[in-house]
C-alpha cells in the first residue's frame, strides 16, 4: 500500500486566510439542518423556549467539541485516521483512540450518501418553483408533486447524480482552487438569499407573529423530549463528530486562534438557523399553515404558501436556491475526510480520490433512493426490535445521527479533555488563564454529560 502521510502544515495547501477557514467551517455547519430541520423542530417543540434551550446547548455542547476537533485536526495535520494515529503516539495514549479517526471518515461517507439524495430534491424544487408549478395549487396538488417525486426512482437517481457530480467537481480541485473558491462564492450568496427571504417574509403580514413565536419563551410548551431534541440538534448542526472539522483543521495555519474562530462559526451557524425561521414562519402563519408540520414543512407546506402569495414563484425559486447552496457547502466538507484518507493511504491523486470516493458514496446513496419507492417495504434489520420498520435510509440516518455522531463527539471531548497532555493545550486552543480553565471544565464534564444523555435517550 502506497502512503503519503506528510502533514498538511508542511505543504503549500493551507487555507489562505482565517476568513477562508471560517467560511468553509461555517459552510459545513450551515446546511439542510439549518434551513430544513431547525424550523420544523422549532415548530414541533413550541417555539421560543426551544430556541432558548437550543442556544444554550450550542455553546455548552457544540462549541467545546468544535474547538477540540479543530485543534486535534490542526495538531495532527493529516486525515482524521492518520491524525489520530499520530496523536496517540505523541500523547502517549491508548491506540484505541484511533477509532475516532475511523468513525469520522466512515460517518461522513455515510451521511453524504443520503444527504446527496435530499440535496437532489432541492435541485428539483428550484425548477418547480421557477416554472410556476406551485402557483394556485392546493394542498393535494402540492403533496402529490412531492409524492410523485419520491415514487420515481429514476428521477431521484438523476438528481442525486447531478448533486454528487457538483460536489466531486469542487472537492477534486483542492483546498484553494476548489473548496476555498466555492465557499468564498457560496457563503455570501447564501446570506444574500436568506436576507432576501426574510425581507420577503416581512411583507406577509405575519412577521410579528413569527417573531413572537420564536423569541417569546413559553416553557409550558417545552417537554423533556424537546430539550433532548435541542441537545441533539446542537451537536448535529455544527457537523461535530464526523471528521469534517478534523479534516478542515488539518489545513489551518498555526497563527489562527481556534477558540475565537469557533465562536464565530457557531454564531454564523446559529444566525442562519434563526434567520431561516424568520423567513419561513411568517409565510406559514400568513397562510394558516401548521408550524410543526415536520419534515414536509419545506417540500410541502412552504410550496403551498409560495403558491398562494404574490411573487411566490420568484421567491420560491430563491428559497430553494438557498437550500441548494446550504446543501452543497455541507456536502463538500463531508467528502473531504474521505478524499484525504484515499490520498494518504492509497497514494492516489486528489482528482482520482474525489471521483473514486464520490462514486462509492453515490452508489451507497442508491439504497436511499430506493427506500422511498421500490424498497419502501424492505427493512434490512427489522428483526431487531428498535430497528423494526426502518428502511435503508432510516437505518443510515439512525446509525449516523443517533450512534456515530454522538459517540464521535463524546470521544473527541474525552480525548481532548482527559487523554491529551495539558502542556501547550491552552496555546493550541487559543485560551489562557481562567478562560482556559473554564473551557476545560465544560469540555471535561458538561459536554460529555450532555452528549451522553442525548445518546442514551436516542437509544431508549
Protein backbone atom coordinates (compact mmCIF):
# COMPACT_ATOMS: atom_id res chain seq x y z
CA UNK A 1 0.00 0.00 0.00
CA UNK A 2 1.41 3.37 -1.00
CA UNK A 3 1.05 6.02 1.66
CA UNK A 4 1.66 9.74 1.77
CA UNK A 5 1.11 10.99 5.31
CA UNK A 6 3.10 14.23 5.12
CA UNK A 7 1.40 16.74 7.45
CA UNK A 8 -0.57 19.36 5.56
CA UNK A 9 1.08 22.03 7.70
CA UNK A 10 4.30 21.38 5.77
CA UNK A 11 2.67 21.60 2.37
CA UNK A 12 1.57 24.61 0.36
CA UNK A 13 -2.10 23.80 0.64
CA UNK A 14 -3.29 25.60 3.77
CA UNK A 15 -6.34 27.85 3.87
CA UNK A 16 -5.19 31.22 2.54
CA UNK A 17 -6.69 33.13 5.48
CA UNK A 18 -8.66 32.88 8.71
CA UNK A 19 -11.71 34.13 6.81
CA UNK A 20 -11.42 31.30 4.27
CA UNK A 21 -11.38 28.67 7.02
CA UNK A 22 -14.22 30.37 8.90
CA UNK A 23 -16.40 30.45 5.78
CA UNK A 24 -15.56 26.82 4.98
CA UNK A 25 -16.27 25.56 8.51
CA UNK A 26 -19.41 27.68 8.73
CA UNK A 27 -20.45 26.30 5.33
CA UNK A 28 -20.02 22.80 6.69
CA UNK A 29 -22.17 23.64 9.70
CA UNK A 30 -24.76 25.62 7.71
CA UNK A 31 -26.66 23.00 5.77
CA UNK A 32 -30.01 21.31 5.45
CA UNK A 33 -30.13 21.09 9.24
CA UNK A 34 -30.43 24.89 9.48
CA UNK A 35 -32.79 25.56 6.58
CA UNK A 36 -34.84 22.34 6.65
CA UNK A 37 -34.66 20.74 10.09
CA UNK A 38 -34.32 23.62 12.58
CA UNK A 39 -37.55 25.42 11.58
CA UNK A 40 -39.73 22.33 11.75
CA UNK A 41 -38.33 21.00 15.05
CA UNK A 42 -38.77 24.52 16.49
CA UNK A 43 -42.38 24.37 15.33
CA UNK A 44 -42.86 20.91 16.81
CA UNK A 45 -41.46 21.97 20.19
CA UNK A 46 -43.30 25.19 20.87
CA UNK A 47 -41.02 27.93 19.52
CA UNK A 48 -39.30 30.39 21.87
CA UNK A 49 -38.50 28.12 24.82
CA UNK A 50 -37.00 25.55 22.48
CA UNK A 51 -34.88 28.23 20.76
CA UNK A 52 -33.53 29.39 24.13
CA UNK A 53 -32.54 25.86 25.18
CA UNK A 54 -31.04 25.25 21.74
CA UNK A 55 -28.82 28.33 22.03
CA UNK A 56 -27.56 27.18 25.44
CA UNK A 57 -26.80 23.73 24.02
CA UNK A 58 -24.88 25.20 21.09
CA UNK A 59 -22.43 26.98 23.37
CA UNK A 60 -22.17 24.32 26.12
CA UNK A 61 -22.21 21.19 23.97
CA UNK A 62 -21.44 22.10 20.36
CA UNK A 63 -18.74 24.75 20.64
CA UNK A 64 -16.40 22.85 23.02
CA UNK A 65 -16.34 19.85 20.69
CA UNK A 66 -15.95 22.12 17.66
CA UNK A 67 -12.89 23.69 19.30
CA UNK A 68 -11.45 20.32 20.35
CA UNK A 69 -11.96 18.64 16.98
CA UNK A 70 -10.45 21.54 15.04
CA UNK A 71 -7.49 21.67 17.43
CA UNK A 72 -6.91 17.94 17.05
CA UNK A 73 -7.05 18.26 13.26
CA UNK A 74 -4.52 21.07 13.16
CA UNK A 75 -2.21 19.39 15.66
CA UNK A 76 -2.14 16.16 13.62
CA UNK A 77 -2.19 17.90 10.24
CA UNK A 78 -3.39 14.85 8.31
CA UNK A 79 -6.54 12.91 7.53
CA UNK A 80 -8.65 12.05 10.61
CA UNK A 81 -7.29 8.48 10.60
CA UNK A 82 -3.63 9.47 10.30
CA UNK A 83 -4.06 12.39 12.71
CA UNK A 84 -5.37 10.14 15.48
CA UNK A 85 -2.62 7.60 14.86
CA UNK A 86 0.00 10.36 15.12
CA UNK A 87 -1.50 11.95 18.23
CA UNK A 88 -1.97 8.71 20.16
CA UNK A 89 1.75 8.15 19.72
CA UNK A 90 2.86 11.70 20.57
CA UNK A 91 0.48 11.97 23.54
CA UNK A 92 1.40 8.50 24.82
CA UNK A 93 -2.22 7.32 24.95
CA UNK A 94 -4.03 4.10 24.05
CA UNK A 95 -4.20 3.17 20.39
CA UNK A 96 -7.93 2.67 20.93
CA UNK A 97 -8.43 6.42 20.50
CA UNK A 98 -7.60 5.93 16.81
CA UNK A 99 -11.19 4.77 16.40
CA UNK A 100 -12.15 8.47 16.47
CA UNK A 101 -10.50 8.94 13.08
CA UNK A 102 -12.13 5.91 11.52
CA UNK A 103 -15.51 6.88 12.95
CA UNK A 104 -15.16 10.31 11.34
CA UNK A 105 -14.28 9.07 7.86
CA UNK A 106 -16.98 6.36 7.84
CA UNK A 107 -19.64 8.68 9.29
CA UNK A 108 -19.01 11.45 6.76
CA UNK A 109 -19.11 8.82 3.99
CA UNK A 110 -22.50 7.50 5.16
CA UNK A 111 -24.04 10.92 5.84
CA UNK A 112 -23.21 12.18 2.38
CA UNK A 113 -24.74 9.07 0.79
CA UNK A 114 -28.25 10.11 1.90
CA UNK A 115 -27.61 13.85 2.20
CA UNK A 116 -26.92 13.97 -1.54
CA UNK A 117 -30.34 12.48 -2.27
CA UNK A 118 -32.06 15.26 -0.31
CA UNK A 119 -29.77 17.79 -1.99
CA UNK A 120 -31.16 16.48 -5.26
CA UNK A 121 -34.67 17.34 -4.06
CA UNK A 122 -33.59 20.99 -3.78
CA UNK A 123 -32.45 20.91 -7.41
CA UNK A 124 -35.84 19.56 -8.47
CA UNK A 125 -37.75 22.16 -6.48
CA UNK A 126 -35.78 25.08 -7.91
CA UNK A 127 -37.16 24.05 -11.30
CA UNK A 128 -40.69 23.52 -9.99
CA UNK A 129 -40.77 26.96 -8.37
CA UNK A 130 -39.25 28.69 -11.41
CA UNK A 131 -41.81 27.09 -13.73
CA UNK A 132 -44.68 28.26 -11.51
CA UNK A 133 -45.86 24.75 -10.68
CA UNK A 134 -46.88 25.85 -7.17
CA UNK A 135 -48.91 28.87 -8.28
CA UNK A 136 -52.56 28.46 -7.28
CA UNK A 137 -52.04 24.78 -6.37
CA UNK A 138 -53.90 23.39 -3.37
CA UNK A 139 -52.50 21.10 -0.65
CA UNK A 140 -53.47 17.94 -2.51
CA UNK A 141 -51.64 19.02 -5.68
CA UNK A 142 -48.51 20.13 -3.78
CA UNK A 143 -48.47 16.92 -1.75
CA UNK A 144 -48.95 14.93 -4.92
CA UNK A 145 -45.93 16.59 -6.55
CA UNK A 146 -43.70 15.60 -3.64
CA UNK A 147 -45.18 12.12 -3.51
CA UNK A 148 -44.64 11.62 -7.24
CA UNK A 149 -41.01 12.69 -6.89
CA UNK A 150 -40.34 10.17 -4.13
CA UNK A 151 -42.16 7.44 -6.04
CA UNK A 152 -39.96 7.85 -9.15
CA UNK A 153 -36.58 6.14 -8.54
CA UNK A 154 -35.16 7.25 -11.89
CA UNK A 155 -35.84 10.93 -11.26
CA UNK A 156 -34.41 10.70 -7.75
CA UNK A 157 -31.35 8.90 -9.10
CA UNK A 158 -30.81 11.54 -11.79
CA UNK A 159 -30.79 14.46 -9.34
CA UNK A 160 -28.81 12.51 -6.76
CA UNK A 161 -26.21 12.00 -9.50
CA UNK A 162 -26.18 15.67 -10.54
CA UNK A 163 -25.73 16.79 -6.94
CA UNK A 164 -22.85 14.36 -6.35
CA UNK A 165 -21.19 15.44 -9.60
CA UNK A 166 -21.19 19.07 -8.39
CA UNK A 167 -19.66 18.04 -5.05
CA UNK A 168 -16.98 15.85 -6.65
CA UNK A 169 -16.00 18.60 -9.10
CA UNK A 170 -15.50 21.17 -6.32
CA UNK A 171 -13.54 18.86 -3.99
CA UNK A 172 -11.37 17.49 -6.80
CA UNK A 173 -9.90 20.96 -7.39
CA UNK A 174 -8.23 21.04 -3.98
CA UNK A 175 -8.31 23.37 -0.98
CA UNK A 176 -7.62 26.77 -2.55
CA UNK A 177 -8.88 26.20 -6.09
CA UNK A 178 -11.90 24.11 -5.10
CA UNK A 179 -13.18 24.27 -1.52
CA UNK A 180 -12.00 27.81 -0.79
CA UNK A 181 -13.24 29.34 -4.05
CA UNK A 182 -16.58 27.58 -3.63
CA UNK A 183 -17.23 28.83 -0.09
CA UNK A 184 -15.99 32.34 -0.93
CA UNK A 185 -18.73 32.48 -3.55
CA UNK A 186 -21.47 30.34 -1.98
CA UNK A 187 -21.46 31.59 1.62
CA UNK A 188 -22.01 35.29 0.77
CA UNK A 189 -24.63 34.14 -1.76
CA UNK A 190 -26.34 32.10 0.95
CA UNK A 191 -26.59 35.10 3.27
CA UNK A 192 -27.85 37.35 0.47
CA UNK A 193 -30.56 34.85 -0.48
CA UNK A 194 -31.53 34.34 3.16
CA UNK A 195 -31.79 38.06 3.87
CA UNK A 196 -33.88 38.49 0.72
CA UNK A 197 -36.22 35.78 2.01
CA UNK A 198 -36.52 37.47 5.41
CA UNK A 199 -37.42 40.81 3.76
CA UNK A 200 -39.98 38.98 1.63
CA UNK A 201 -41.42 37.34 4.75
CA UNK A 202 -41.80 40.80 6.33
CA UNK A 203 -44.41 41.63 3.69
CA UNK A 204 -46.55 38.63 4.60
CA UNK A 205 -48.41 40.42 7.40
CA UNK A 206 -47.48 37.79 9.98
CA UNK A 207 -43.87 38.71 10.70
CA UNK A 208 -44.68 39.93 14.22
CA UNK A 209 -46.43 36.64 15.00
CA UNK A 210 -43.37 34.73 13.81
CA UNK A 211 -41.01 36.85 15.94
CA UNK A 212 -43.22 36.27 18.98
CA UNK A 213 -43.39 32.53 18.28
CA UNK A 214 -39.61 32.21 18.03
CA UNK A 215 -38.45 34.59 20.75
CA UNK A 216 -41.17 34.64 23.43
CA UNK A 217 -40.38 31.61 25.61
CA UNK A 218 -43.36 29.61 26.86
CA UNK A 219 -41.80 26.85 28.92
CA UNK A 220 -45.17 25.16 29.39
CA UNK A 221 -44.87 24.04 25.76
CA UNK A 222 -41.39 22.56 26.24
CA UNK A 223 -41.17 18.87 27.07
CA UNK A 224 -38.25 16.70 28.15
CA UNK A 225 -38.18 15.29 24.64
CA UNK A 226 -37.93 18.85 23.31
CA UNK A 227 -34.92 19.61 25.50
CA UNK A 228 -33.18 16.45 24.32
CA UNK A 229 -34.05 17.30 20.70
CA UNK A 230 -32.36 20.68 21.21
CA UNK A 231 -29.29 18.94 22.65
CA UNK A 232 -29.11 16.53 19.73
CA UNK A 233 -29.60 19.14 17.05
CA UNK A 234 -26.95 21.40 18.61
CA UNK A 235 -24.44 18.60 18.07
CA UNK A 236 -25.77 17.71 14.61
CA UNK A 237 -25.86 21.22 13.16
CA UNK A 238 -22.18 22.01 13.83
CA UNK A 239 -21.02 18.87 11.98
CA UNK A 240 -19.09 17.63 15.00
CA UNK A 241 -18.00 14.02 15.39
CA UNK A 242 -17.89 13.12 11.69
CA UNK A 243 -14.30 14.05 10.86
CA UNK A 244 -15.16 17.19 8.89
CA UNK A 245 -13.69 19.71 11.33
CA UNK A 246 -10.67 17.50 11.88
CA UNK A 247 -10.11 17.40 8.11
CA UNK A 248 -10.62 21.14 7.67
CA UNK A 249 -8.50 21.85 10.75
CA UNK A 250 -5.59 19.95 9.22
CA UNK A 251 -5.25 22.77 6.65
CA UNK A 252 -5.49 25.55 9.26
CA UNK A 253 -2.44 27.82 9.75
CA UNK A 254 -0.89 27.80 13.23
CA UNK A 255 -1.47 31.55 13.56
CA UNK A 256 -5.27 31.25 13.66
CA UNK A 257 -6.91 31.39 17.11
CA UNK A 258 -9.17 28.34 17.19
CA UNK A 259 -11.34 29.42 20.15
CA UNK A 260 -12.26 32.79 18.63
CA UNK A 261 -12.82 31.25 15.21
CA UNK A 262 -15.06 28.54 16.67
CA UNK A 263 -17.25 31.17 18.33
CA UNK A 264 -17.56 32.98 15.00
CA UNK A 265 -18.57 29.74 13.28
CA UNK A 266 -21.16 28.98 15.97
CA UNK A 267 -22.63 32.49 15.73
CA UNK A 268 -22.85 32.28 11.93
CA UNK A 269 -24.44 28.84 12.08
CA UNK A 270 -26.96 29.89 14.72
CA UNK A 271 -27.68 33.13 12.89
CA UNK A 272 -28.57 31.24 9.73
CA UNK A 273 -30.90 28.92 11.64
CA UNK A 274 -32.71 31.86 13.28
CA UNK A 275 -32.94 33.79 10.00
CA UNK A 276 -34.35 30.68 8.33
CA UNK A 277 -37.05 30.59 10.98
CA UNK A 278 -37.81 34.29 10.40
CA UNK A 279 -38.03 33.60 6.66
CA UNK A 280 -40.26 30.55 6.98
CA UNK A 281 -42.67 31.06 9.90
CA UNK A 282 -44.22 34.35 8.65
CA UNK A 283 -45.21 32.55 5.44
CA UNK A 284 -46.58 29.63 7.42
CA UNK A 285 -48.68 31.82 9.74
CA UNK A 286 -49.86 34.10 6.92
CA UNK A 287 -51.35 31.10 5.16
CA UNK A 288 -52.80 29.48 8.30
CA UNK A 289 -50.49 26.51 7.98
CA UNK A 290 -49.05 24.33 10.71
CA UNK A 291 -45.58 25.39 12.02
CA UNK A 292 -44.94 21.89 13.38
CA UNK A 293 -45.54 20.22 10.02
CA UNK A 294 -42.47 18.01 10.36
CA UNK A 295 -40.06 17.21 7.51
CA UNK A 296 -42.76 18.13 4.98
CA UNK A 297 -42.55 21.78 6.07
CA UNK A 298 -40.03 22.63 3.35
CA UNK A 299 -41.20 20.46 0.46
CA UNK A 300 -44.97 20.55 1.03
CA UNK A 301 -46.05 23.32 3.39
CA UNK A 302 -43.82 26.11 2.03
CA UNK A 303 -44.56 25.42 -1.66
CA UNK A 304 -48.23 25.71 -0.74
CA UNK A 305 -47.51 29.12 0.81
CA UNK A 306 -45.46 30.27 -2.19
CA UNK A 307 -48.27 29.21 -4.48
CA UNK A 308 -50.76 31.48 -2.73
CA UNK A 309 -48.61 34.62 -2.42
CA UNK A 310 -47.75 37.47 -4.76
CA UNK A 311 -44.25 36.94 -6.12
CA UNK A 312 -44.32 33.38 -4.83
CA UNK A 313 -42.75 31.87 -7.95
CA UNK A 314 -39.73 34.18 -7.76
CA UNK A 315 -39.17 33.85 -4.05
CA UNK A 316 -39.89 30.14 -4.11
CA UNK A 317 -37.04 29.82 -6.60
CA UNK A 318 -34.81 31.96 -4.36
CA UNK A 319 -35.66 29.83 -1.33
CA UNK A 320 -34.82 26.51 -2.96
CA UNK A 321 -31.63 28.00 -4.43
CA UNK A 322 -30.76 28.91 -0.83
CA UNK A 323 -31.47 25.35 0.24
CA UNK A 324 -29.22 24.02 -2.54
CA UNK A 325 -26.34 26.34 -1.63
CA UNK A 326 -26.54 25.26 2.01
CA UNK A 327 -26.57 21.61 0.97
CA UNK A 328 -23.52 21.98 -1.29
CA UNK A 329 -21.37 23.80 1.31
CA UNK A 330 -22.03 20.97 3.77
CA UNK A 331 -21.65 18.19 1.25
CA UNK A 332 -18.19 19.25 0.06
CA UNK A 333 -17.00 19.17 3.66
CA UNK A 334 -18.26 15.60 4.07
CA UNK A 335 -16.37 14.36 1.03
CA UNK A 336 -13.09 15.91 2.20
CA UNK A 337 -12.27 13.38 5.00
CA UNK A 338 -12.81 10.53 2.55
CA UNK A 339 -10.60 12.18 -0.08
CA UNK A 340 -7.86 12.90 2.47
CA UNK A 341 -7.84 9.26 3.53
CA UNK A 342 -7.67 7.98 -0.05
CA UNK A 343 -4.85 10.39 -0.89
CA UNK A 344 -2.79 9.39 2.13
CA UNK A 345 -3.47 5.68 2.43
CA UNK A 346 -3.90 4.69 -1.20
CA UNK A 347 -1.35 7.10 -2.67
CA UNK A 348 -3.65 8.33 -5.45
CA UNK A 349 -4.20 11.87 -6.69
CA UNK A 350 -6.86 14.20 -5.32
CA UNK A 351 -8.83 14.07 -8.56
CA UNK A 352 -8.93 10.28 -8.56
CA UNK A 353 -9.67 10.23 -4.83
CA UNK A 354 -12.59 12.63 -5.27
CA UNK A 355 -14.01 10.65 -8.20
CA UNK A 356 -13.48 7.26 -6.53
CA UNK A 357 -14.81 8.35 -3.15
CA UNK A 358 -17.69 10.22 -4.76
CA UNK A 359 -18.67 7.21 -6.86
CA UNK A 360 -18.70 4.93 -3.81
CA UNK A 361 -20.86 7.40 -1.90
CA UNK A 362 -23.17 7.80 -4.92
CA UNK A 363 -23.54 4.02 -5.13
CA UNK A 364 -24.46 3.65 -1.45
CA UNK A 365 -26.93 6.51 -1.95
CA UNK A 366 -28.91 4.35 -4.37
CA UNK A 367 -30.17 2.50 -1.29
CA UNK A 368 -31.67 5.76 0.00
CA UNK A 369 -33.19 6.50 -3.42
CA UNK A 370 -34.91 3.11 -3.46
CA UNK A 371 -36.05 3.44 0.18
CA UNK A 372 -38.70 5.92 -0.92
CA UNK A 373 -40.23 3.65 -3.55
CA UNK A 374 -39.19 0.14 -4.69
CA UNK A 375 -37.56 -0.78 -1.35
CA UNK A 376 -40.16 1.02 0.75
CA UNK A 377 -41.14 -2.26 2.43
CA UNK A 378 -37.57 -3.54 2.80
CA UNK A 379 -36.40 -3.41 6.43
CA UNK A 380 -32.91 -4.95 6.49
CA UNK A 381 -32.60 -5.16 10.28
CA UNK A 382 -36.28 -5.40 11.12
CA UNK A 383 -35.64 -8.45 13.31
CA UNK A 384 -34.06 -6.09 15.89
CA UNK A 385 -36.88 -4.55 17.92
CA UNK A 386 -35.68 -0.93 17.96
CA UNK A 387 -34.86 -1.08 14.23
CA UNK A 388 -38.16 -2.59 13.24
CA UNK A 389 -39.78 -0.83 10.29
CA UNK A 390 -36.66 1.12 9.30
CA UNK A 391 -35.78 1.34 5.61
CA UNK A 392 -32.21 1.59 4.31
CA UNK A 393 -32.46 5.39 4.56
CA UNK A 394 -33.86 5.21 8.08
CA UNK A 395 -31.06 2.87 9.13
CA UNK A 396 -28.32 5.10 7.73
CA UNK A 397 -29.85 8.16 9.37
CA UNK A 398 -30.23 6.35 12.70
CA UNK A 399 -26.73 4.88 12.59
CA UNK A 400 -25.05 8.22 11.94
CA UNK A 401 -27.30 10.66 13.82
CA UNK A 402 -28.01 8.54 16.89
CA UNK A 403 -24.82 6.50 17.21
CA UNK A 404 -21.77 7.62 15.25
CA UNK A 405 -22.10 11.41 15.64
CA UNK A 406 -22.78 11.46 19.41
CA UNK A 407 -20.17 8.76 20.08
CA UNK A 408 -17.65 10.62 17.90
CA UNK A 409 -18.34 13.91 19.67
CA UNK A 410 -18.17 12.25 23.08
CA UNK A 411 -14.87 10.55 22.25
CA UNK A 412 -13.35 13.81 20.97
CA UNK A 413 -14.36 15.64 24.18
CA UNK A 414 -12.89 12.87 26.34
CA UNK A 415 -9.69 12.59 24.30
CA UNK A 416 -9.01 16.34 24.31
CA UNK A 417 -10.20 16.82 27.87
CA UNK A 418 -8.62 13.83 29.59
CA UNK A 419 -6.15 11.95 27.38
CA UNK A 420 -4.12 14.74 25.79
CA UNK A 421 -1.27 16.37 27.71
CA UNK A 422 -2.16 19.75 29.22
CA UNK A 423 1.20 21.27 28.26
CA UNK A 424 0.71 23.52 25.24
CA UNK A 425 -3.03 22.79 25.03
CA UNK A 426 -4.03 26.32 26.02
CA UNK A 427 -1.95 27.88 23.24
CA UNK A 428 -3.18 25.26 20.74
CA UNK A 429 -6.76 26.23 21.54
CA UNK A 430 -6.14 29.95 21.88
CA UNK A 431 -7.19 30.48 25.51
CA UNK A 432 -5.33 31.26 28.70
CA UNK A 433 -5.83 31.66 32.45
CA UNK A 434 -9.38 31.49 33.74
CA UNK A 435 -10.87 31.21 30.26
CA UNK A 436 -8.86 28.07 29.58
CA UNK A 437 -9.75 26.52 32.95
CA UNK A 438 -13.45 27.25 32.41
CA UNK A 439 -13.30 25.78 28.91
CA UNK A 440 -11.60 22.61 30.16
CA UNK A 441 -14.20 22.19 32.91
CA UNK A 442 -17.02 22.38 30.36
CA UNK A 443 -15.18 20.07 27.92
CA UNK A 444 -14.39 17.52 30.62
CA UNK A 445 -17.70 17.40 32.46
CA UNK A 446 -20.60 19.37 30.97
CA UNK A 447 -20.16 18.44 27.31
CA UNK A 448 -19.70 14.67 27.84
CA UNK A 449 -22.70 14.60 30.18
CA UNK A 450 -24.89 16.39 27.64
CA UNK A 451 -23.83 14.18 24.73
CA UNK A 452 -24.18 11.05 26.87
CA UNK A 453 -27.74 11.95 27.82
CA UNK A 454 -28.68 12.50 24.17
CA UNK A 455 -27.04 9.23 23.15
CA UNK A 456 -28.89 7.21 25.78
CA UNK A 457 -32.19 8.94 25.03
CA UNK A 458 -31.88 8.20 21.32
CA UNK A 459 -31.26 4.54 22.04
CA UNK A 460 -34.07 4.19 24.58
